[in-house]
Amino acid sequence: MMSDGALSQDEIDALLAGVDSSSIMGAAAPAAVASGGSDANRQALQDFLSASVDAQSSNLSMMTGATVSLKGPQVSFSGRDSFLAQLPDMVTVVKADFTSGFPGEHVFIISEDCARAIASVMNKEENIQLDEMAMSVIGEVVSQMVGTQITALTDKTGNKSIASGSPEAANVPKAVAALPAGDFACAVYQLDLGTGTTYQLWEVLGPSVSADIGRALSGGGAQAAPAGMGAAPNMGMTNMGRMQMPNMSNIGMGANMGPASVQSVQFPNLMPPRLGPQEAGNIGLIMDVYMEMTVELGRTRKPIKEILNMGEGTIIELDKLAGEPVDILVNHKLIAKGEVVVIDENFGVRVTEIVSPMERMNDMG
């Protein structure tokens, strides 16, 4: 029977999620990497992740200022459909692919309620919206978790070239969540941010990543892969501090000196990240949305008595020094600093500094 050319809803969802729609239209779905879904690999992953939850809890507690408890996880292998059935309708997806060492897909899935709770704890703000600032904060939390995992993986496997890209967070319907093809590893955690409320957090490892890590943890000796094989090159500065010096342990002054064991050094790419077609298309949807931009010269606090006594000629002293950069705010969030200029008798501001997400987060704490 001939098709009329229209796409079904399942095919549309798969295309938006970056999944090959041929698997929906009858072609064979990609098979899981050999031994990636074996029980030995599943157990090795579960043992490793379970052993790191105490360190994760401690690091997240220091980062948030709350008493964070991370428990679990339970690790299983799943396909896209069965995994999506576990999720709420709206989720925050944080993509944190491994770029070298064990390159491949690595994703964290967080429910909307949990994402709001994390952003609220970090920003010390109630009833927070899941806007760009909140996504940046959640990305920083996941970056901390991935960093802890990389340190533990390096110690366990001896693979010193493990690195990941900068986490990218987005709040989306679960149907368009970008998940690996085939059978992937899924770890389910229980997260308590010190409020007594327990949230589920899902960590997804692509078939190739779970297979390579499982073999390495089981003593299979998976070889370190250079950046760019199996995942996008590392475009962030997250793992700059993890560059390793060559192994000089076999170099000595004795007569029986053996050959030196040298490992290649993996340097992160310092170029800014480029958006893929899917990300560029998503941003294009909001390009014509207006946002309020404010330039703030300074602030001060005064008692009501002084405010009531103000009149013409009163001078109000602000908290900024003469010549100090002014603050540039978008929707009341600090995003940059600049200097005041005059253009054709109109005031303007020249941007001199873009405030990093971490600085914005610290300023709000």
Protein backbone atom coordinates (compact mmCIF):
# COMPACT_ATOMS: atom_id res chain seq x y z
CA MET A 1 0.00 0.00 0.00
CA MET A 2 1.44 3.38 -0.98
CA SER A 3 1.93 6.10 1.60
CA ASP A 4 0.33 9.50 1.08
CA GLY A 5 3.59 11.13 2.18
CA ALA A 6 2.29 12.27 5.61
CA LEU A 7 4.31 11.51 8.74
CA SER A 8 2.73 9.83 11.73
CA GLN A 9 3.02 11.42 15.20
CA ASP A 10 5.57 8.74 16.21
CA GLU A 11 7.71 9.60 13.18
CA ILE A 12 7.49 13.33 13.97
CA ASP A 13 8.49 12.72 17.62
CA ALA A 14 11.41 10.58 16.50
CA LEU A 15 12.64 13.20 14.04
CA LEU A 16 12.47 15.94 16.70
CA ALA A 17 14.38 13.75 19.11
CA GLY A 18 17.14 13.06 16.58
CA VAL A 19 16.20 9.38 16.20
CA ASP A 20 16.39 7.67 12.79
CA SER A 21 12.77 7.41 11.67
CA SER A 22 13.58 4.39 9.50
CA SER A 23 13.33 2.23 12.62
CA ILE A 24 9.74 3.41 13.04
CA MET A 25 8.89 2.84 9.37
CA GLY A 26 9.83 -0.81 9.44
CA ALA A 27 13.62 -0.92 9.03
CA ALA A 28 15.68 -2.79 11.59
CA ALA A 29 16.58 -0.70 14.63
CA PRO A 30 20.28 -0.35 15.47
CA ALA A 31 21.49 -3.24 17.57
CA ALA A 32 23.08 -2.67 20.94
CA VAL A 33 26.86 -2.82 21.00
CA ALA A 34 28.09 -6.34 21.62
CA SER A 35 28.11 -7.19 25.35
CA GLY A 36 26.95 -3.64 26.15
CA GLY A 37 23.75 -5.01 27.66
CA SER A 38 25.32 -8.03 29.41
CA ASP A 39 24.52 -8.66 33.06
CA ALA A 40 28.23 -8.45 33.90
CA ASN A 41 28.44 -4.93 32.47
CA ARG A 42 25.19 -3.93 34.18
CA GLN A 43 26.49 -5.15 37.55
CA ALA A 44 29.87 -3.46 37.04
CA LEU A 45 28.15 -0.16 36.25
CA GLN A 46 25.79 -0.45 39.22
CA ASP A 47 28.62 -1.27 41.65
CA PHE A 48 30.69 1.66 40.38
CA LEU A 49 27.87 4.21 40.49
CA SER A 50 26.68 2.97 43.90
CA ALA A 51 30.18 3.36 45.31
CA SER A 52 30.29 7.01 44.20
CA VAL A 53 26.95 8.23 45.62
CA ASP A 54 28.46 9.22 48.99
CA ALA A 55 31.04 11.42 47.27
CA GLN A 56 28.31 12.81 45.01
CA SER A 57 26.12 13.64 48.03
CA SER A 58 28.98 15.36 49.83
CA ASN A 59 30.01 17.43 46.80
CA LEU A 60 26.44 18.48 46.01
CA SER A 61 25.89 19.44 49.66
CA MET A 62 28.94 21.72 49.53
CA MET A 63 27.79 23.20 46.23
CA THR A 64 24.18 23.90 47.26
CA GLY A 65 24.58 24.62 50.96
CA ALA A 66 21.87 22.02 51.68
CA THR A 67 22.07 18.50 53.10
CA VAL A 68 21.82 16.56 49.85
CA SER A 69 21.28 12.80 49.84
CA LEU A 70 21.75 10.77 46.64
CA LYS A 71 20.86 7.08 46.88
CA GLY A 72 20.91 4.10 44.52
CA PRO A 73 21.12 3.64 41.68
CA GLN A 74 19.34 0.74 40.05
CA VAL A 75 20.89 0.05 36.64
CA SER A 76 19.05 -1.66 33.78
CA PHE A 77 19.18 -1.74 29.98
CA SER A 78 16.24 -0.28 28.12
CA GLY A 79 15.02 0.89 24.72
CA ARG A 80 13.56 4.33 24.02
CA ASP A 81 9.87 3.40 24.27
CA SER A 82 10.08 1.49 27.55
CA PHE A 83 12.28 4.19 29.08
CA LEU A 84 9.96 7.07 28.09
CA ALA A 85 7.07 5.22 29.77
CA GLN A 86 8.83 5.81 33.14
CA LEU A 87 9.08 9.59 32.70
CA PRO A 88 6.65 12.44 33.43
CA ASP A 89 5.35 14.40 30.44
CA MET A 90 7.80 17.31 30.87
CA VAL A 91 11.45 16.77 31.76
CA THR A 92 14.73 18.65 31.95
CA VAL A 93 17.29 16.94 29.72
CA VAL A 94 20.98 17.61 30.40
CA LYS A 95 23.33 16.37 27.67
CA ALA A 96 26.85 15.70 28.99
CA ASP A 97 28.47 13.42 26.39
CA PHE A 98 31.87 11.88 27.04
CA THR A 99 34.25 13.23 24.39
CA SER A 100 37.33 11.09 25.05
CA GLY A 101 38.37 8.10 27.11
CA PHE A 102 34.98 6.39 26.71
CA PRO A 103 33.43 8.64 24.05
CA GLY A 104 29.70 8.51 23.48
CA GLU A 105 26.27 9.63 24.61
CA HIS A 106 25.68 10.55 28.27
CA VAL A 107 22.42 12.19 29.38
CA PHE A 108 20.73 13.11 32.67
CA ILE A 109 16.92 13.30 32.83
CA ILE A 110 15.27 15.32 35.62
CA SER A 111 11.56 15.87 36.27
CA GLU A 112 10.25 19.46 36.23
CA ASP A 113 9.59 19.40 39.99
CA CYS A 114 13.12 18.19 40.71
CA ALA A 115 14.63 20.76 38.30
CA ARG A 116 12.77 23.59 40.05
CA ALA A 117 13.87 22.30 43.45
CA ILE A 118 17.53 22.18 42.36
CA ALA A 119 17.40 25.70 40.88
CA SER A 120 15.61 27.02 43.99
CA VAL A 121 18.23 25.56 46.34
CA MET A 122 21.08 26.91 44.24
CA ASN A 123 19.59 30.40 43.76
CA LYS A 124 18.06 30.64 47.27
CA GLU A 125 14.81 31.64 45.58
CA GLU A 126 11.27 30.25 45.88
CA ASN A 127 8.80 29.64 43.03
CA ILE A 128 11.58 29.76 40.46
CA GLN A 129 10.87 29.56 36.73
CA LEU A 130 12.71 27.10 34.51
CA ASP A 131 14.25 29.84 32.37
CA GLU A 132 17.69 30.09 30.79
CA MET A 133 19.27 31.03 34.13
CA ALA A 134 17.75 27.98 35.84
CA MET A 135 18.98 25.74 33.00
CA SER A 136 22.48 27.15 33.44
CA VAL A 137 22.38 26.42 37.18
CA ILE A 138 21.18 22.85 36.61
CA GLY A 139 23.94 22.40 34.03
CA GLU A 140 26.50 23.41 36.68
CA VAL A 141 25.10 20.82 39.11
CA VAL A 142 25.34 18.07 36.48
CA SER A 143 28.86 19.25 35.60
CA GLN A 144 29.83 18.70 39.24
CA MET A 145 28.33 15.19 39.16
CA VAL A 146 30.11 14.28 35.92
CA GLY A 147 33.41 15.62 37.27
CA THR A 148 33.08 13.35 40.32
CA GLN A 149 32.38 10.38 38.04
CA ILE A 150 35.37 11.11 35.81
CA THR A 151 37.70 11.29 38.82
CA ALA A 152 36.40 7.95 40.13
CA LEU A 153 36.54 6.32 36.66
CA THR A 154 40.12 7.45 36.20
CA ASP A 155 41.10 5.90 39.55
CA LYS A 156 39.24 2.64 38.83
CA THR A 157 40.26 2.06 35.22
CA GLY A 158 43.58 3.88 34.89
CA ASN A 159 42.22 5.65 31.80
CA LYS A 160 43.60 9.18 32.15
CA SER A 161 42.11 10.65 29.00
CA ILE A 162 38.44 10.71 30.13
CA ALA A 163 36.74 14.05 29.42
CA SER A 164 33.24 15.35 28.77
CA GLY A 165 31.65 18.29 27.01
CA SER A 166 30.04 21.16 28.90
CA PRO A 167 26.53 20.04 30.00
CA GLU A 168 23.64 21.60 28.05
CA ALA A 169 20.22 21.66 29.77
CA ALA A 170 16.78 22.14 28.24
CA ASN A 171 13.22 21.67 29.53
CA VAL A 172 11.25 19.75 26.89
CA PRO A 173 8.36 17.29 26.43
CA LYS A 174 9.64 13.76 27.00
CA ALA A 175 8.69 12.77 23.45
CA VAL A 176 11.44 15.01 22.02
CA ALA A 177 14.16 14.06 24.53
CA ALA A 178 17.34 13.14 22.60
CA LEU A 179 18.14 9.57 23.68
CA PRO A 180 20.63 7.01 22.33
CA ALA A 181 19.48 4.52 19.70
CA GLY A 182 19.26 0.83 20.56
CA ASP A 183 19.43 -0.56 24.10
CA PHE A 184 21.14 1.86 26.48
CA ALA A 185 22.04 1.73 30.18
CA CYS A 186 19.72 3.59 32.56
CA ALA A 187 20.60 4.34 36.21
CA VAL A 188 17.75 5.50 38.48
CA TYR A 189 18.73 7.54 41.57
CA GLN A 190 16.74 8.83 44.55
CA LEU A 191 17.57 12.49 45.29
CA ASP A 192 16.71 14.41 48.49
CA LEU A 193 17.73 18.08 48.61
CA GLY A 194 17.37 18.30 52.38
CA THR A 195 13.62 18.98 52.35
CA GLY A 196 12.45 15.41 52.96
CA THR A 197 10.99 15.19 49.43
CA THR A 198 12.50 12.44 47.29
CA TYR A 199 12.85 12.90 43.53
CA GLN A 200 13.88 10.42 40.86
CA LEU A 201 16.85 11.26 38.66
CA TRP A 202 17.76 9.21 35.59
CA GLU A 203 21.25 8.85 34.09
CA VAL A 204 21.50 7.39 30.57
CA LEU A 205 24.66 5.93 29.00
CA GLY A 206 24.70 5.07 25.29
CA PRO A 207 25.37 1.45 24.22
CA SER A 208 29.02 2.05 23.28
CA VAL A 209 29.75 4.03 26.48
CA SER A 210 28.15 1.48 28.81
CA ALA A 211 29.94 -1.39 27.02
CA ASP A 212 33.37 0.29 27.17
CA ILE A 213 33.03 1.41 30.80
CA GLY A 214 31.60 -1.96 31.89
CA ARG A 215 34.51 -3.85 30.28
CA ALA A 216 37.07 -1.47 31.76
CA LEU A 217 35.56 -1.78 35.26
CA SER A 218 35.50 -5.58 34.88
CA GLY A 219 39.17 -5.65 33.91
CA GLY A 220 38.50 -5.96 30.19
CA GLY A 221 40.98 -3.18 29.45
CA ALA A 222 38.97 -0.98 27.08
CA GLN A 223 41.34 1.20 25.09
CA ALA A 224 41.26 4.95 25.54
CA ALA A 225 39.74 6.63 22.51
CA PRO A 226 40.83 10.07 21.31
CA ALA A 227 38.48 13.03 21.38
CA GLY A 228 36.12 13.20 18.44
CA MET A 229 35.45 9.43 18.09
CA GLY A 230 31.85 8.62 18.97
CA ALA A 231 30.92 12.05 20.30
CA ALA A 232 31.29 15.72 19.51
CA PRO A 233 34.66 17.33 20.35
CA ASN A 234 34.94 18.88 23.79
CA MET A 235 33.98 22.52 23.30
CA GLY A 236 33.94 23.52 26.98
CA MET A 237 36.54 24.27 29.60
CA THR A 238 35.04 21.84 32.16
CA ASN A 239 37.92 19.37 32.08
CA MET A 240 40.84 21.71 31.42
CA GLY A 241 42.30 20.74 34.77
CA ARG A 242 42.35 17.04 33.88
CA MET A 243 45.19 17.16 31.30
CA GLN A 244 47.69 14.45 32.20
CA MET A 245 51.48 14.48 31.95
CA PRO A 246 53.21 11.50 30.26
CA ASN A 247 53.77 8.50 32.52
CA MET A 248 57.41 8.70 33.66
CA SER A 249 57.21 5.88 36.22
CA ASN A 250 59.51 3.55 34.19
CA ILE A 251 62.32 6.07 33.71
CA GLY A 252 65.16 5.52 36.16
CA MET A 253 68.94 5.73 36.54
CA GLY A 254 69.62 1.99 37.05
CA ALA A 255 71.44 -0.28 34.61
CA ASN A 256 68.25 -2.29 33.90
CA MET A 257 66.25 0.72 32.83
CA GLY A 258 63.26 -0.37 30.71
CA PRO A 259 61.48 1.60 27.99
CA ALA A 260 59.42 4.57 29.11
CA SER A 261 55.62 4.19 29.06
CA VAL A 262 54.23 7.34 27.46
CA GLN A 263 50.56 8.25 27.10
CA SER A 264 49.25 10.91 24.76
CA VAL A 265 47.93 14.12 26.27
CA GLN A 266 44.34 15.11 25.43
CA PHE A 267 43.88 18.89 25.13
CA PRO A 268 40.35 20.37 25.15
CA ASN A 269 39.36 22.45 22.14
CA LEU A 270 39.38 26.15 23.08
CA MET A 271 37.04 27.23 20.30
CA PRO A 272 33.50 28.24 21.33
CA PRO A 273 30.81 25.57 20.81
CA ARG A 274 28.88 25.46 17.55
CA LEU A 275 25.20 24.74 17.63
CA GLY A 276 23.97 21.72 15.69
CA PRO A 277 20.99 21.94 13.32
CA GLN A 278 18.53 20.83 16.03
CA GLU A 279 19.74 23.37 18.62
CA ALA A 280 19.89 26.15 16.03
CA GLY A 281 16.37 25.34 14.91
CA ASN A 282 15.06 25.41 18.48
CA ILE A 283 16.66 28.80 19.19
CA GLY A 284 15.19 30.14 15.96
CA LEU A 285 11.71 29.64 17.41
CA ILE A 286 12.28 32.36 20.04
CA MET A 287 14.42 34.84 18.10
CA ASP A 288 11.56 37.38 17.86
CA VAL A 289 10.64 37.23 21.57
CA TYR A 290 11.13 40.59 23.35
CA MET A 291 12.90 40.79 26.70
CA GLU A 292 13.28 43.76 29.04
CA MET A 293 16.83 45.14 29.19
CA THR A 294 17.82 47.53 31.98
CA VAL A 295 21.02 49.46 32.69
CA GLU A 296 21.54 50.10 36.39
CA LEU A 297 23.81 52.95 37.47
CA GLY A 298 23.81 51.91 41.12
CA ARG A 299 21.76 51.34 44.26
CA THR A 300 21.47 52.58 47.82
CA ARG A 301 19.33 51.97 50.94
CA LYS A 302 17.83 54.79 52.97
CA PRO A 303 15.40 54.97 55.90
CA ILE A 304 11.87 56.16 55.20
CA LYS A 305 12.55 59.39 57.13
CA GLU A 306 15.25 60.47 54.65
CA ILE A 307 13.16 59.46 51.64
CA LEU A 308 10.23 61.59 52.84
CA ASN A 309 12.55 64.59 53.31
CA MET A 310 13.82 64.44 49.70
CA GLY A 311 13.20 67.44 47.49
CA GLU A 312 14.57 69.20 44.44
CA GLY A 313 18.35 69.42 44.63
CA THR A 314 18.76 66.43 46.95
CA ILE A 315 21.86 64.38 46.07
CA ILE A 316 21.58 60.62 46.42
CA GLU A 317 24.88 58.81 46.85
CA LEU A 318 24.96 55.39 45.11
CA ASP A 319 26.99 52.29 45.93
CA LYS A 320 29.19 52.56 42.81
CA LEU A 321 32.35 54.60 42.39
CA ALA A 322 32.72 57.20 39.65
CA GLY A 323 33.87 55.48 36.45
CA GLU A 324 32.88 52.01 37.67
CA PRO A 325 31.06 49.87 35.05
CA VAL A 326 27.26 49.90 35.15
CA ASP A 327 25.20 46.70 35.36
CA ILE A 328 23.25 45.43 32.34
CA LEU A 329 20.24 43.30 33.28
CA VAL A 330 17.85 41.21 31.16
CA ASN A 331 14.54 40.45 32.88
CA HIS A 332 16.19 41.65 36.12
CA LYS A 333 19.06 39.13 35.83
CA LEU A 334 22.64 40.47 35.60
CA ILE A 335 24.18 39.39 32.28
CA ALA A 336 26.91 41.97 31.53
CA LYS A 337 28.70 45.16 32.56
CA GLY A 338 29.42 48.23 30.50
CA GLU A 339 30.25 51.93 30.31
CA VAL A 340 27.85 54.80 29.60
CA VAL A 341 28.25 56.61 26.27
CA VAL A 342 26.35 59.41 24.51
CA ILE A 343 25.21 58.84 20.91
CA ASP A 344 23.46 61.72 19.10
CA GLU A 345 22.31 63.23 22.41
CA ASN A 346 20.96 59.85 23.58
CA PHE A 347 22.45 57.81 26.39
CA GLY A 348 23.77 54.35 25.52
CA VAL A 349 25.95 51.68 27.07
CA ARG A 350 28.99 49.94 25.60
CA VAL A 351 29.33 46.31 26.76
CA THR A 352 32.75 45.73 28.33
CA GLU A 353 32.24 42.38 30.09
CA ILE A 354 29.88 39.39 29.80
CA VAL A 355 29.11 37.84 33.19
CA SER A 356 29.67 34.05 33.29
CA PRO A 357 26.84 31.73 34.48
CA MET A 358 28.83 30.81 37.60
CA GLU A 359 29.34 34.49 38.51
CA ARG A 360 25.62 35.13 38.00
CA MET A 361 24.82 32.18 40.25
CA ASN A 362 27.20 33.39 42.99
CA ASP A 363 25.79 36.93 42.85
CA MET A 364 22.28 35.55 43.43
CA GLY A 365 23.31 33.30 46.31
